[in-house]
């Protein structure tokens, strides 16, 4: 596996076809980059019928301690790889957009549906026929960090499409789709912890083997936070709702958040209060009633809004505009506590 520059940092690479190259040069440039980025000796060939398609593939990859992650938006191409018995990776691919994609594993070509999620075995030879608009994300995790045996690996590789598996939809795909942000290369160690946690949770479920709470904690914490971010404005959202959504007991859920700056219930209230303060500080906020703000932010009533504003700012709602600098400081502290 590629090694990070330091304990916490990773190597981030972005790819776009350089300007000023001929069509053949553009393809050769992409072929060279692609072969190094996917970490599998790959033979890439341009499809004959792709001559009329503008060749503009793009990609971004992140290599960190014990993992690599790559997202590719590809131009039409054929690819094949030779057996690699020395591989130490567990490789998972999410074919986000793959109309008419043909993937051959173990010598058997088969169509792959858009949105499919599959384990890929690079220890055996394989090939793909990627059409225009192919968009895939690929995650490689060092198998030794997951304690996956050879027999277990073979069981995973025989599995069909995993897209409908609840852990894939709840944990894996959100993790794969939300990693591209500024400074991610400086946070590669933490990103790797989350990805290993997600993979360990998925593998444990598929193999029906127990997964320790500590292994699941980063994945679950991230998934719950994303769920709260998307649903805090629902007045019915509470700890019991979250526990039911993730099939956990309230006790387990509290355990997963015990070392967070904001416990679960506090986080829900902080999300609602952050949005309420943003609305109250807007220039046209006076045109919005307190009742409308409370409803749009998920508070059950105006009194709940007033209490939350008082708790996080020390002021009454009516004092917000008279002490705007103080409120903005409180709002910034809220944002930082929600996004450490």
C-alpha atoms as a PDB file:
ATOM      1  CA  UNK A   1       0.000   0.000   0.000  1.00  0.00           C
ATOM      2  CA  UNK A   2       1.225   3.562  -0.557  1.00  0.00           C
ATOM      3  CA  UNK A   3       2.593   5.253   2.532  1.00  0.00           C
ATOM      4  CA  UNK A   4       1.573   8.702   3.675  1.00  0.00           C
ATOM      5  CA  UNK A   5       4.049  11.530   3.986  1.00  0.00           C
ATOM      6  CA  UNK A   6       3.455  11.709   7.735  1.00  0.00           C
ATOM      7  CA  UNK A   7       1.334   9.889  10.275  1.00  0.00           C
ATOM      8  CA  UNK A   8      -1.748  11.978   9.490  1.00  0.00           C
ATOM      9  CA  UNK A   9      -1.244  13.178   5.915  1.00  0.00           C
ATOM     10  CA  UNK A  10      -1.869  11.514   2.587  1.00  0.00           C
ATOM     11  CA  UNK A  11      -1.063  11.969  -1.059  1.00  0.00           C
ATOM     12  CA  UNK A  12      -3.835  13.624  -3.059  1.00  0.00           C
ATOM     13  CA  UNK A  13      -3.694  13.618  -6.839  1.00  0.00           C
ATOM     14  CA  UNK A  14      -6.078  15.136  -9.372  1.00  0.00           C
ATOM     15  CA  UNK A  15      -6.125  14.300 -13.030  1.00  0.00           C
ATOM     16  CA  UNK A  16      -7.413  16.110 -16.102  1.00  0.00           C
ATOM     17  CA  UNK A  17      -6.247  15.635 -19.689  1.00  0.00           C
ATOM     18  CA  UNK A  18      -3.756  18.409 -20.555  1.00  0.00           C
ATOM     19  CA  UNK A  19      -4.671  20.821 -23.316  1.00  0.00           C
ATOM     20  CA  UNK A  20      -2.827  20.937 -26.616  1.00  0.00           C
ATOM     21  CA  UNK A  21      -2.483  17.174 -27.112  1.00  0.00           C
ATOM     22  CA  UNK A  22      -3.656  15.199 -30.110  1.00  0.00           C
ATOM     23  CA  UNK A  23      -6.406  12.588 -29.554  1.00  0.00           C
ATOM     24  CA  UNK A  24      -3.835   9.782 -29.453  1.00  0.00           C
ATOM     25  CA  UNK A  25      -1.573  11.720 -27.089  1.00  0.00           C
ATOM     26  CA  UNK A  26      -4.541  12.416 -24.813  1.00  0.00           C
ATOM     27  CA  UNK A  27      -5.311   8.729 -24.569  1.00  0.00           C
ATOM     28  CA  UNK A  28      -1.669   7.789 -23.929  1.00  0.00           C
ATOM     29  CA  UNK A  29      -1.445  10.407 -21.189  1.00  0.00           C
ATOM     30  CA  UNK A  30      -4.576   9.027 -19.491  1.00  0.00           C
ATOM     31  CA  UNK A  31      -3.404   5.434 -19.900  1.00  0.00           C
ATOM     32  CA  UNK A  32      -0.117   6.191 -18.111  1.00  0.00           C
ATOM     33  CA  UNK A  33      -1.844   8.013 -15.226  1.00  0.00           C
ATOM     34  CA  UNK A  34      -4.590   5.415 -14.875  1.00  0.00           C
ATOM     35  CA  UNK A  35      -2.178   2.489 -14.725  1.00  0.00           C
ATOM     36  CA  UNK A  36      -0.285   4.041 -11.823  1.00  0.00           C
ATOM     37  CA  UNK A  37      -3.341   5.313  -9.954  1.00  0.00           C
ATOM     38  CA  UNK A  38      -5.341   2.074  -9.752  1.00  0.00           C
ATOM     39  CA  UNK A  39      -2.283   0.165  -8.480  1.00  0.00           C
ATOM     40  CA  UNK A  40      -2.888  -2.801 -10.748  1.00  0.00           C
ATOM     41  CA  UNK A  41      -0.753  -3.507 -13.828  1.00  0.00           C
ATOM     42  CA  UNK A  42      -3.442  -2.539 -16.314  1.00  0.00           C
ATOM     43  CA  UNK A  43      -3.647  -2.662 -20.079  1.00  0.00           C
ATOM     44  CA  UNK A  44      -5.920   0.094 -21.315  1.00  0.00           C
ATOM     45  CA  UNK A  45      -7.116   0.306 -24.909  1.00  0.00           C
ATOM     46  CA  UNK A  46      -9.223   2.914 -26.637  1.00  0.00           C
ATOM     47  CA  UNK A  47     -12.453   1.628 -28.128  1.00  0.00           C
ATOM     48  CA  UNK A  48     -12.674   1.839 -31.904  1.00  0.00           C
ATOM     49  CA  UNK A  49     -16.139   3.414 -31.821  1.00  0.00           C
ATOM     50  CA  UNK A  50     -14.988   6.084 -29.354  1.00  0.00           C
ATOM     51  CA  UNK A  51     -13.291   8.238 -31.989  1.00  0.00           C
ATOM     52  CA  UNK A  52     -16.196  10.697 -32.095  1.00  0.00           C
ATOM     53  CA  UNK A  53     -16.400  11.040 -28.303  1.00  0.00           C
ATOM     54  CA  UNK A  54     -14.407  13.930 -26.758  1.00  0.00           C
ATOM     55  CA  UNK A  55     -11.745  12.205 -24.689  1.00  0.00           C
ATOM     56  CA  UNK A  56     -11.934  14.046 -21.374  1.00  0.00           C
ATOM     57  CA  UNK A  57     -11.516  11.607 -18.483  1.00  0.00           C
ATOM     58  CA  UNK A  58     -10.901  12.979 -15.000  1.00  0.00           C
ATOM     59  CA  UNK A  59      -9.973  11.483 -11.670  1.00  0.00           C
ATOM     60  CA  UNK A  60      -8.954  12.189  -8.103  1.00  0.00           C
ATOM     61  CA  UNK A  61      -7.121   9.806  -5.803  1.00  0.00           C
ATOM     62  CA  UNK A  62      -6.066   9.784  -2.168  1.00  0.00           C
ATOM     63  CA  UNK A  63      -3.422   7.468  -0.749  1.00  0.00           C
ATOM     64  CA  UNK A  64      -3.035   7.224   3.003  1.00  0.00           C
ATOM     65  CA  UNK A  65      -1.932   4.774   5.702  1.00  0.00           C
ATOM     66  CA  UNK A  66      -3.248   1.353   4.703  1.00  0.00           C
ATOM     67  CA  UNK A  67      -5.736   2.534   2.082  1.00  0.00           C
ATOM     68  CA  UNK A  68      -6.191   4.144  -1.312  1.00  0.00           C
ATOM     69  CA  UNK A  69      -9.289   5.757  -2.733  1.00  0.00           C
ATOM     70  CA  UNK A  70      -9.839   6.780  -6.335  1.00  0.00           C
ATOM     71  CA  UNK A  71     -12.782   8.276  -8.199  1.00  0.00           C
ATOM     72  CA  UNK A  72     -12.796   8.187 -12.007  1.00  0.00           C
ATOM     73  CA  UNK A  73     -15.003   9.647 -14.695  1.00  0.00           C
ATOM     74  CA  UNK A  74     -13.761   7.745 -17.674  1.00  0.00           C
ATOM     75  CA  UNK A  75     -13.893   7.995 -21.444  1.00  0.00           C
ATOM     76  CA  UNK A  76     -14.798   4.831 -23.398  1.00  0.00           C
ATOM     77  CA  UNK A  77     -12.033   2.265 -23.009  1.00  0.00           C
ATOM     78  CA  UNK A  78     -11.216  -1.412 -22.668  1.00  0.00           C
ATOM     79  CA  UNK A  79      -9.111  -2.537 -19.721  1.00  0.00           C
ATOM     80  CA  UNK A  80      -7.555  -5.801 -18.664  1.00  0.00           C
ATOM     81  CA  UNK A  81      -5.206  -6.926 -15.930  1.00  0.00           C
ATOM     82  CA  UNK A  82      -3.014  -9.962 -15.350  1.00  0.00           C
ATOM     83  CA  UNK A  83      -3.254 -12.114 -12.201  1.00  0.00           C
ATOM     84  CA  UNK A  84      -1.562 -10.533  -9.189  1.00  0.00           C
ATOM     85  CA  UNK A  85      -1.201 -13.226  -6.489  1.00  0.00           C
ATOM     86  CA  UNK A  86       0.742 -10.874  -4.190  1.00  0.00           C
ATOM     87  CA  UNK A  87      -2.139  -8.462  -3.659  1.00  0.00           C
ATOM     88  CA  UNK A  88      -2.789  -7.527  -0.032  1.00  0.00           C
ATOM     89  CA  UNK A  89      -5.823  -5.377  -0.697  1.00  0.00           C
ATOM     90  CA  UNK A  90      -9.505  -5.863  -0.219  1.00  0.00           C
ATOM     91  CA  UNK A  91     -10.918  -3.875  -3.129  1.00  0.00           C
ATOM     92  CA  UNK A  92     -14.471  -2.577  -3.356  1.00  0.00           C
ATOM     93  CA  UNK A  93     -15.860  -0.766  -6.404  1.00  0.00           C
ATOM     94  CA  UNK A  94     -18.968   1.424  -6.579  1.00  0.00           C
ATOM     95  CA  UNK A  95     -20.093   1.791 -10.182  1.00  0.00           C
ATOM     96  CA  UNK A  96     -22.059   4.995  -9.729  1.00  0.00           C
ATOM     97  CA  UNK A  97     -22.779   5.439 -13.426  1.00  0.00           C
ATOM     98  CA  UNK A  98     -22.060   2.510 -15.672  1.00  0.00           C
ATOM     99  CA  UNK A  99     -24.542   2.153 -18.518  1.00  0.00           C
ATOM    100  CA  UNK A 100     -23.681  -0.901 -20.631  1.00  0.00           C
ATOM    101  CA  UNK A 101     -20.564  -1.687 -18.556  1.00  0.00           C
ATOM    102  CA  UNK A 102     -19.244  -5.224 -19.025  1.00  0.00           C
ATOM    103  CA  UNK A 103     -16.991  -6.608 -16.291  1.00  0.00           C
ATOM    104  CA  UNK A 104     -15.208  -9.946 -16.626  1.00  0.00           C
ATOM    105  CA  UNK A 105     -14.043 -11.554 -13.393  1.00  0.00           C
ATOM    106  CA  UNK A 106     -12.639 -15.083 -13.438  1.00  0.00           C
ATOM    107  CA  UNK A 107     -13.036 -15.039 -17.219  1.00  0.00           C
ATOM    108  CA  UNK A 108     -16.833 -14.667 -17.163  1.00  0.00           C
ATOM    109  CA  UNK A 109     -18.125 -11.429 -18.779  1.00  0.00           C
ATOM    110  CA  UNK A 110     -21.268  -9.995 -17.193  1.00  0.00           C
ATOM    111  CA  UNK A 111     -23.158  -6.706 -17.398  1.00  0.00           C
ATOM    112  CA  UNK A 112     -22.933  -4.387 -14.399  1.00  0.00           C
ATOM    113  CA  UNK A 113     -25.929  -2.264 -13.476  1.00  0.00           C
ATOM    114  CA  UNK A 114     -25.511   1.445 -12.668  1.00  0.00           C
ATOM    115  CA  UNK A 115     -25.172   1.812  -8.901  1.00  0.00           C
ATOM    116  CA  UNK A 116     -23.710  -1.670  -8.414  1.00  0.00           C
ATOM    117  CA  UNK A 117     -21.239  -2.324  -5.588  1.00  0.00           C
ATOM    118  CA  UNK A 118     -18.845  -5.248  -5.984  1.00  0.00           C
ATOM    119  CA  UNK A 119     -15.710  -6.674  -4.449  1.00  0.00           C
ATOM    120  CA  UNK A 120     -12.981  -7.026  -7.097  1.00  0.00           C
ATOM    121  CA  UNK A 121     -10.359  -9.773  -7.072  1.00  0.00           C
ATOM    122  CA  UNK A 122      -7.125  -8.558  -8.649  1.00  0.00           C
ATOM    123  CA  UNK A 123      -5.277 -11.750  -7.704  1.00  0.00           C
ATOM    124  CA  UNK A 124      -6.995 -13.268 -10.751  1.00  0.00           C
ATOM    125  CA  UNK A 125      -7.056 -11.851 -14.246  1.00  0.00           C
ATOM    126  CA  UNK A 126      -9.981  -9.741 -15.396  1.00  0.00           C
ATOM    127  CA  UNK A 127     -11.183  -7.108 -17.813  1.00  0.00           C
ATOM    128  CA  UNK A 128     -13.783  -4.400 -18.344  1.00  0.00           C
ATOM    129  CA  UNK A 129     -15.489  -2.652 -21.234  1.00  0.00           C
ATOM    130  CA  UNK A 130     -16.285   0.856 -20.013  1.00  0.00           C
ATOM    131  CA  UNK A 131     -18.711   3.012 -22.013  1.00  0.00           C
ATOM    132  CA  UNK A 132     -18.935   6.769 -22.298  1.00  0.00           C
ATOM    133  CA  UNK A 133     -19.914   8.361 -18.985  1.00  0.00           C
ATOM    134  CA  UNK A 134     -18.462   5.571 -16.838  1.00  0.00           C
ATOM    135  CA  UNK A 135     -18.119   6.878 -13.260  1.00  0.00           C
ATOM    136  CA  UNK A 136     -16.698   4.664 -10.535  1.00  0.00           C
ATOM    137  CA  UNK A 137     -15.194   4.891  -7.067  1.00  0.00           C
ATOM    138  CA  UNK A 138     -12.714   2.313  -5.875  1.00  0.00           C
ATOM    139  CA  UNK A 139     -11.600   1.682  -2.300  1.00  0.00           C
ATOM    140  CA  UNK A 140      -8.596  -0.460  -1.418  1.00  0.00           C
ATOM    141  CA  UNK A 141      -8.020  -1.449   2.208  1.00  0.00           C
ATOM    142  CA  UNK A 142      -5.064  -3.435   3.518  1.00  0.00           C
ATOM    143  CA  UNK A 143      -6.583  -6.830   4.316  1.00  0.00           C
ATOM    144  CA  UNK A 144      -4.325  -7.380   7.314  1.00  0.00           C
ATOM    145  CA  UNK A 145      -6.026  -4.499   9.132  1.00  0.00           C
ATOM    146  CA  UNK A 146      -9.382  -6.308   8.762  1.00  0.00           C
ATOM    147  CA  UNK A 147      -8.213  -9.816   9.719  1.00  0.00           C
ATOM    148  CA  UNK A 148      -9.790 -11.286   6.587  1.00  0.00           C
ATOM    149  CA  UNK A 149      -8.515 -14.790   5.876  1.00  0.00           C
ATOM    150  CA  UNK A 150      -8.014 -16.249   2.396  1.00  0.00           C
ATOM    151  CA  UNK A 151     -11.139 -18.382   2.771  1.00  0.00           C
ATOM    152  CA  UNK A 152     -13.175 -15.375   3.890  1.00  0.00           C
ATOM    153  CA  UNK A 153     -11.770 -13.327   1.021  1.00  0.00           C
ATOM    154  CA  UNK A 154     -12.992 -15.932  -1.481  1.00  0.00           C
ATOM    155  CA  UNK A 155     -16.455 -15.808   0.089  1.00  0.00           C
ATOM    156  CA  UNK A 156     -16.590 -12.026  -0.306  1.00  0.00           C
ATOM    157  CA  UNK A 157     -15.425 -12.096  -3.904  1.00  0.00           C
ATOM    158  CA  UNK A 158     -18.172 -14.530  -4.877  1.00  0.00           C
ATOM    159  CA  UNK A 159     -20.907 -12.167  -3.687  1.00  0.00           C
ATOM    160  CA  UNK A 160     -23.128 -10.493  -6.292  1.00  0.00           C
ATOM    161  CA  UNK A 161     -24.156  -6.827  -6.312  1.00  0.00           C
ATOM    162  CA  UNK A 162     -24.221  -5.393  -2.776  1.00  0.00           C
ATOM    163  CA  UNK A 163     -25.987  -2.118  -3.580  1.00  0.00           C
ATOM    164  CA  UNK A 164     -29.126  -3.088  -1.649  1.00  0.00           C
ATOM    165  CA  UNK A 165     -27.246  -4.184   1.456  1.00  0.00           C
ATOM    166  CA  UNK A 166     -28.309  -1.821   4.280  1.00  0.00           C
ATOM    167  CA  UNK A 167     -24.748  -1.159   5.441  1.00  0.00           C
ATOM    168  CA  UNK A 168     -23.696  -0.235   1.907  1.00  0.00           C
ATOM    169  CA  UNK A 169     -26.470   2.340   1.596  1.00  0.00           C
ATOM    170  CA  UNK A 170     -26.158   3.647   5.151  1.00  0.00           C
ATOM    171  CA  UNK A 171     -22.390   3.680   5.605  1.00  0.00           C
ATOM    172  CA  UNK A 172     -20.327   2.751   2.547  1.00  0.00           C
ATOM    173  CA  UNK A 173     -21.760   4.900  -0.238  1.00  0.00           C
ATOM    174  CA  UNK A 174     -22.034   8.059   1.943  1.00  0.00           C
ATOM    175  CA  UNK A 175     -18.390   7.581   2.970  1.00  0.00           C
ATOM    176  CA  UNK A 176     -17.286   7.150  -0.639  1.00  0.00           C
ATOM    177  CA  UNK A 177     -19.252  10.162  -1.844  1.00  0.00           C
ATOM    178  CA  UNK A 178     -18.240  12.705   0.794  1.00  0.00           C
ATOM    179  CA  UNK A 179     -14.459  12.503   1.091  1.00  0.00           C
ATOM    180  CA  UNK A 180     -13.491  15.194  -1.438  1.00  0.00           C
ATOM    181  CA  UNK A 181     -13.034  18.336   0.589  1.00  0.00           C
ATOM    182  CA  UNK A 182     -10.310  20.889   1.128  1.00  0.00           C
ATOM    183  CA  UNK A 183      -7.523  19.628   3.367  1.00  0.00           C
ATOM    184  CA  UNK A 184      -8.489  15.949   3.058  1.00  0.00           C
ATOM    185  CA  UNK A 185      -4.850  15.051   2.389  1.00  0.00           C
ATOM    186  CA  UNK A 186      -3.936  16.462   5.814  1.00  0.00           C
ATOM    187  CA  UNK A 187      -6.641  14.325   7.423  1.00  0.00           C
ATOM    188  CA  UNK A 188      -5.807  11.049   5.678  1.00  0.00           C
ATOM    189  CA  UNK A 189      -5.216   9.142   8.910  1.00  0.00           C
ATOM    190  CA  UNK A 190      -8.706   9.974  10.195  1.00  0.00           C
ATOM    191  CA  UNK A 191     -10.214   9.268   6.783  1.00  0.00           C
ATOM    192  CA  UNK A 192      -8.473   5.900   6.766  1.00  0.00           C
ATOM    193  CA  UNK A 193      -9.907   5.094  10.208  1.00  0.00           C
ATOM    194  CA  UNK A 194     -13.425   5.834   8.941  1.00  0.00           C
ATOM    195  CA  UNK A 195     -12.985   3.797   5.756  1.00  0.00           C
ATOM    196  CA  UNK A 196     -11.559   0.819   7.648  1.00  0.00           C
ATOM    197  CA  UNK A 197     -14.409   1.062  10.130  1.00  0.00           C
ATOM    198  CA  UNK A 198     -16.966   1.088   7.317  1.00  0.00           C
ATOM    199  CA  UNK A 199     -15.298  -1.845   5.590  1.00  0.00           C
ATOM    200  CA  UNK A 200     -14.975  -3.812   8.847  1.00  0.00           C
ATOM    201  CA  UNK A 201     -18.676  -3.253   9.578  1.00  0.00           C
ATOM    202  CA  UNK A 202     -19.662  -4.386   6.082  1.00  0.00           C
ATOM    203  CA  UNK A 203     -17.351  -7.407   6.060  1.00  0.00           C
ATOM    204  CA  UNK A 204     -18.495  -8.472   9.533  1.00  0.00           C
ATOM    205  CA  UNK A 205     -22.102  -8.332   8.389  1.00  0.00           C
ATOM    206  CA  UNK A 206     -21.444 -10.268   5.177  1.00  0.00           C
ATOM    207  CA  UNK A 207     -19.385 -12.954   6.894  1.00  0.00           C
ATOM    208  CA  UNK A 208     -21.658 -12.999   9.952  1.00  0.00           C
ATOM    209  CA  UNK A 209     -18.682 -12.458  12.239  1.00  0.00           C
ATOM    210  CA  UNK A 210     -18.728 -10.141  15.271  1.00  0.00           C
ATOM    211  CA  UNK A 211     -17.252  -6.662  14.907  1.00  0.00           C
ATOM    212  CA  UNK A 212     -16.078  -4.839  18.008  1.00  0.00           C
ATOM    213  CA  UNK A 213     -17.701  -1.578  19.025  1.00  0.00           C
ATOM    214  CA  UNK A 214     -14.397   0.267  18.686  1.00  0.00           C
ATOM    215  CA  UNK A 215     -14.059  -0.901  15.072  1.00  0.00           C
ATOM    216  CA  UNK A 216     -17.575   0.271  14.232  1.00  0.00           C
ATOM    217  CA  UNK A 217     -17.389   3.567  16.083  1.00  0.00           C
ATOM    218  CA  UNK A 218     -15.864   5.852  13.377  1.00  0.00           C
ATOM    219  CA  UNK A 219     -18.230   4.584  10.679  1.00  0.00           C
ATOM    220  CA  UNK A 220     -21.335   4.799  12.815  1.00  0.00           C
ATOM    221  CA  UNK A 221     -20.497   8.228  14.206  1.00  0.00           C
ATOM    222  CA  UNK A 222     -19.984   9.607  10.706  1.00  0.00           C
ATOM    223  CA  UNK A 223     -23.182   8.047   9.343  1.00  0.00           C
ATOM    224  CA  UNK A 224     -25.275   9.332  12.242  1.00  0.00           C
ATOM    225  CA  UNK A 225     -23.861  12.842  11.869  1.00  0.00           C
ATOM    226  CA  UNK A 226     -24.722  12.899   8.182  1.00  0.00           C
ATOM    227  CA  UNK A 227     -28.217  11.672   8.988  1.00  0.00           C
ATOM    228  CA  UNK A 228     -28.681  14.425  11.580  1.00  0.00           C
ATOM    229  CA  UNK A 229     -27.337  17.069   9.189  1.00  0.00           C
ATOM    230  CA  UNK A 230     -29.988  16.076   6.654  1.00  0.00           C
ATOM    231  CA  UNK A 231     -32.911  15.659   9.066  1.00  0.00           C
ATOM    232  CA  UNK A 232     -32.496  18.084  12.007  1.00  0.00           C
ATOM    233  CA  UNK A 233     -35.418  20.173  10.716  1.00  0.00           C
ATOM    234  CA  UNK A 234     -37.798  17.272  11.340  1.00  0.00           C
ATOM    235  CA  UNK A 235     -39.502  18.021  14.692  1.00  0.00           C
ATOM    236  CA  UNK A 236     -39.956  14.271  15.234  1.00  0.00           C
ATOM    237  CA  UNK A 237     -36.197  13.657  15.156  1.00  0.00           C
ATOM    238  CA  UNK A 238     -34.880  12.547  18.546  1.00  0.00           C
ATOM    239  CA  UNK A 239     -32.566   9.920  20.022  1.00  0.00           C
ATOM    240  CA  UNK A 240     -35.205   7.192  19.768  1.00  0.00           C
ATOM    241  CA  UNK A 241     -35.723   7.941  16.060  1.00  0.00           C
ATOM    242  CA  UNK A 242     -31.982   7.739  15.367  1.00  0.00           C
ATOM    243  CA  UNK A 243     -31.663   4.490  17.328  1.00  0.00           C
ATOM    244  CA  UNK A 244     -34.458   2.943  15.275  1.00  0.00           C
ATOM    245  CA  UNK A 245     -32.984   4.238  12.000  1.00  0.00           C
ATOM    246  CA  UNK A 246     -29.627   2.567  12.689  1.00  0.00           C
ATOM    247  CA  UNK A 247     -31.043  -0.516  14.431  1.00  0.00           C
ATOM    248  CA  UNK A 248     -29.247   0.241  17.699  1.00  0.00           C
ATOM    249  CA  UNK A 249     -30.245   0.442  21.317  1.00  0.00           C
ATOM    250  CA  UNK A 250     -30.236   3.882  22.940  1.00  0.00           C
ATOM    251  CA  UNK A 251     -27.438   2.652  25.196  1.00  0.00           C
ATOM    252  CA  UNK A 252     -25.267   1.669  22.227  1.00  0.00           C
ATOM    253  CA  UNK A 253     -25.965   4.958  20.513  1.00  0.00           C
ATOM    254  CA  UNK A 254     -24.966   6.951  23.576  1.00  0.00           C
ATOM    255  CA  UNK A 255     -21.773   4.871  23.819  1.00  0.00           C
ATOM    256  CA  UNK A 256     -20.776   5.755  20.256  1.00  0.00           C
ATOM    257  CA  UNK A 257     -21.062   9.468  21.095  1.00  0.00           C
ATOM    258  CA  UNK A 258     -19.699   9.426  24.637  1.00  0.00           C
ATOM    259  CA  UNK A 259     -16.382  11.048  23.699  1.00  0.00           C
ATOM    260  CA  UNK A 260     -17.854  13.622  21.302  1.00  0.00           C
ATOM    261  CA  UNK A 261     -17.918  17.293  22.258  1.00  0.00           C
ATOM    262  CA  UNK A 262     -21.670  17.220  21.619  1.00  0.00           C
ATOM    263  CA  UNK A 263     -23.703  14.216  22.730  1.00  0.00           C
ATOM    264  CA  UNK A 264     -26.444  13.039  20.416  1.00  0.00           C
ATOM    265  CA  UNK A 265     -29.349  15.071  21.797  1.00  0.00           C
ATOM    266  CA  UNK A 266     -27.110  18.117  22.163  1.00  0.00           C
ATOM    267  CA  UNK A 267     -26.041  17.790  18.544  1.00  0.00           C
ATOM    268  CA  UNK A 268     -29.647  17.798  17.306  1.00  0.00           C
ATOM    269  CA  UNK A 269     -30.378  20.920  19.349  1.00  0.00           C
ATOM    270  CA  UNK A 270     -27.147  22.587  18.192  1.00  0.00           C
ATOM    271  CA  UNK A 271     -27.978  21.955  14.524  1.00  0.00           C
ATOM    272  CA  UNK A 272     -31.400  23.507  14.971  1.00  0.00           C
ATOM    273  CA  UNK A 273     -29.999  26.461  16.875  1.00  0.00           C
ATOM    274  CA  UNK A 274     -27.287  27.093  14.297  1.00  0.00           C
ATOM    275  CA  UNK A 275     -29.885  27.376  11.560  1.00  0.00           C
ATOM    276  CA  UNK A 276     -32.157  29.528  13.741  1.00  0.00           C
ATOM    277  CA  UNK A 277     -29.352  31.996  14.460  1.00  0.00           C
ATOM    278  CA  UNK A 278     -28.515  32.178  10.753  1.00  0.00           C
ATOM    279  CA  UNK A 279     -32.132  33.056  10.009  1.00  0.00           C
ATOM    280  CA  UNK A 280     -32.350  35.556  12.859  1.00  0.00           C
ATOM    281  CA  UNK A 281     -29.221  37.334  11.627  1.00  0.00           C
ATOM    282  CA  UNK A 282     -30.373  37.659   8.049  1.00  0.00           C
ATOM    283  CA  UNK A 283     -31.205  41.182   6.931  1.00  0.00           C
ATOM    284  CA  UNK A 284     -34.808  40.247   6.233  1.00  0.00           C
ATOM    285  CA  UNK A 285     -35.178  38.141   9.363  1.00  0.00           C
ATOM    286  CA  UNK A 286     -37.690  40.568  10.803  1.00  0.00           C
ATOM    287  CA  UNK A 287     -40.076  39.539   8.018  1.00  0.00           C
ATOM    288  CA  UNK A 288     -40.034  35.993   9.373  1.00  0.00           C
ATOM    289  CA  UNK A 289     -41.982  35.248  12.526  1.00  0.00           C
ATOM    290  CA  UNK A 290     -40.422  33.371  15.414  1.00  0.00           C
ATOM    291  CA  UNK A 291     -42.996  30.666  14.854  1.00  0.00           C
ATOM    292  CA  UNK A 292     -41.905  30.235  11.226  1.00  0.00           C
ATOM    293  CA  UNK A 293     -38.247  30.075  12.250  1.00  0.00           C
ATOM    294  CA  UNK A 294     -38.987  27.516  14.954  1.00  0.00           C
ATOM    295  CA  UNK A 295     -40.921  25.326  12.511  1.00  0.00           C
ATOM    296  CA  UNK A 296     -38.325  25.517   9.712  1.00  0.00           C
ATOM    297  CA  UNK A 297     -35.524  24.562  12.128  1.00  0.00           C
ATOM    298  CA  UNK A 298     -37.272  21.577  13.708  1.00  0.00           C
ATOM    299  CA  UNK A 299     -38.210  23.104  17.070  1.00  0.00           C
ATOM    300  CA  UNK A 300     -41.535  21.885  18.404  1.00  0.00           C
ATOM    301  CA  UNK A 301     -42.589  25.422  19.372  1.00  0.00           C
ATOM    302  CA  UNK A 302     -41.346  28.981  19.877  1.00  0.00           C
ATOM    303  CA  UNK A 303     -40.575  28.351  23.527  1.00  0.00           C
ATOM    304  CA  UNK A 304     -38.118  25.593  22.559  1.00  0.00           C
ATOM    305  CA  UNK A 305     -36.466  28.014  20.136  1.00  0.00           C
ATOM    306  CA  UNK A 306     -36.163  30.678  22.831  1.00  0.00           C
ATOM    307  CA  UNK A 307     -34.602  28.230  25.299  1.00  0.00           C
ATOM    308  CA  UNK A 308     -32.064  26.993  22.752  1.00  0.00           C
ATOM    309  CA  UNK A 309     -31.020  30.508  21.734  1.00  0.00           C
ATOM    310  CA  UNK A 310     -30.633  31.446  25.396  1.00  0.00           C
ATOM    311  CA  UNK A 311     -28.584  28.307  26.070  1.00  0.00           C
ATOM    312  CA  UNK A 312     -26.114  28.843  23.230  1.00  0.00           C
ATOM    313  CA  UNK A 313     -25.818  32.654  23.240  1.00  0.00           C
ATOM    314  CA  UNK A 314     -26.822  33.744  26.721  1.00  0.00           C
ATOM    315  CA  UNK A 315     -29.323  36.182  25.207  1.00  0.00           C
ATOM    316  CA  UNK A 316     -33.026  36.362  24.562  1.00  0.00           C
ATOM    317  CA  UNK A 317     -34.260  36.133  20.977  1.00  0.00           C
ATOM    318  CA  UNK A 318     -35.249  39.805  20.977  1.00  0.00           C
ATOM    319  CA  UNK A 319     -31.671  40.820  21.865  1.00  0.00           C
ATOM    320  CA  UNK A 320     -30.116  39.148  18.816  1.00  0.00           C
ATOM    321  CA  UNK A 321     -29.980  42.209  16.537  1.00  0.00           C
ATOM    322  CA  UNK A 322     -28.794  44.524  19.322  1.00  0.00           C
ATOM    323  CA  UNK A 323     -25.784  42.306  20.022  1.00  0.00           C
ATOM    324  CA  UNK A 324     -24.961  40.976  16.566  1.00  0.00           C
ATOM    325  CA  UNK A 325     -21.145  40.629  17.030  1.00  0.00           C
ATOM    326  CA  UNK A 326     -21.676  38.514  20.157  1.00  0.00           C
ATOM    327  CA  UNK A 327     -24.237  36.364  18.361  1.00  0.00           C
ATOM    328  CA  UNK A 328     -21.932  35.855  15.392  1.00  0.00           C
ATOM    329  CA  UNK A 329     -19.197  34.682  17.751  1.00  0.00           C
ATOM    330  CA  UNK A 330     -21.615  32.221  19.336  1.00  0.00           C
ATOM    331  CA  UNK A 331     -22.682  31.037  15.876  1.00  0.00           C
ATOM    332  CA  UNK A 332     -19.069  30.455  14.855  1.00  0.00           C
ATOM    333  CA  UNK A 333     -18.460  28.433  18.027  1.00  0.00           C
ATOM    334  CA  UNK A 334     -21.531  26.356  17.188  1.00  0.00           C
ATOM    335  CA  UNK A 335     -20.224  25.675  13.687  1.00  0.00           C
ATOM    336  CA  UNK A 336     -16.846  24.624  15.025  1.00  0.00           C
ATOM    337  CA  UNK A 337     -18.358  22.260  17.584  1.00  0.00           C
ATOM    338  CA  UNK A 338     -20.498  20.672  14.851  1.00  0.00           C
ATOM    339  CA  UNK A 339     -17.533  20.388  12.451  1.00  0.00           C
ATOM    340  CA  UNK A 340     -14.426  19.808  14.545  1.00  0.00           C
END
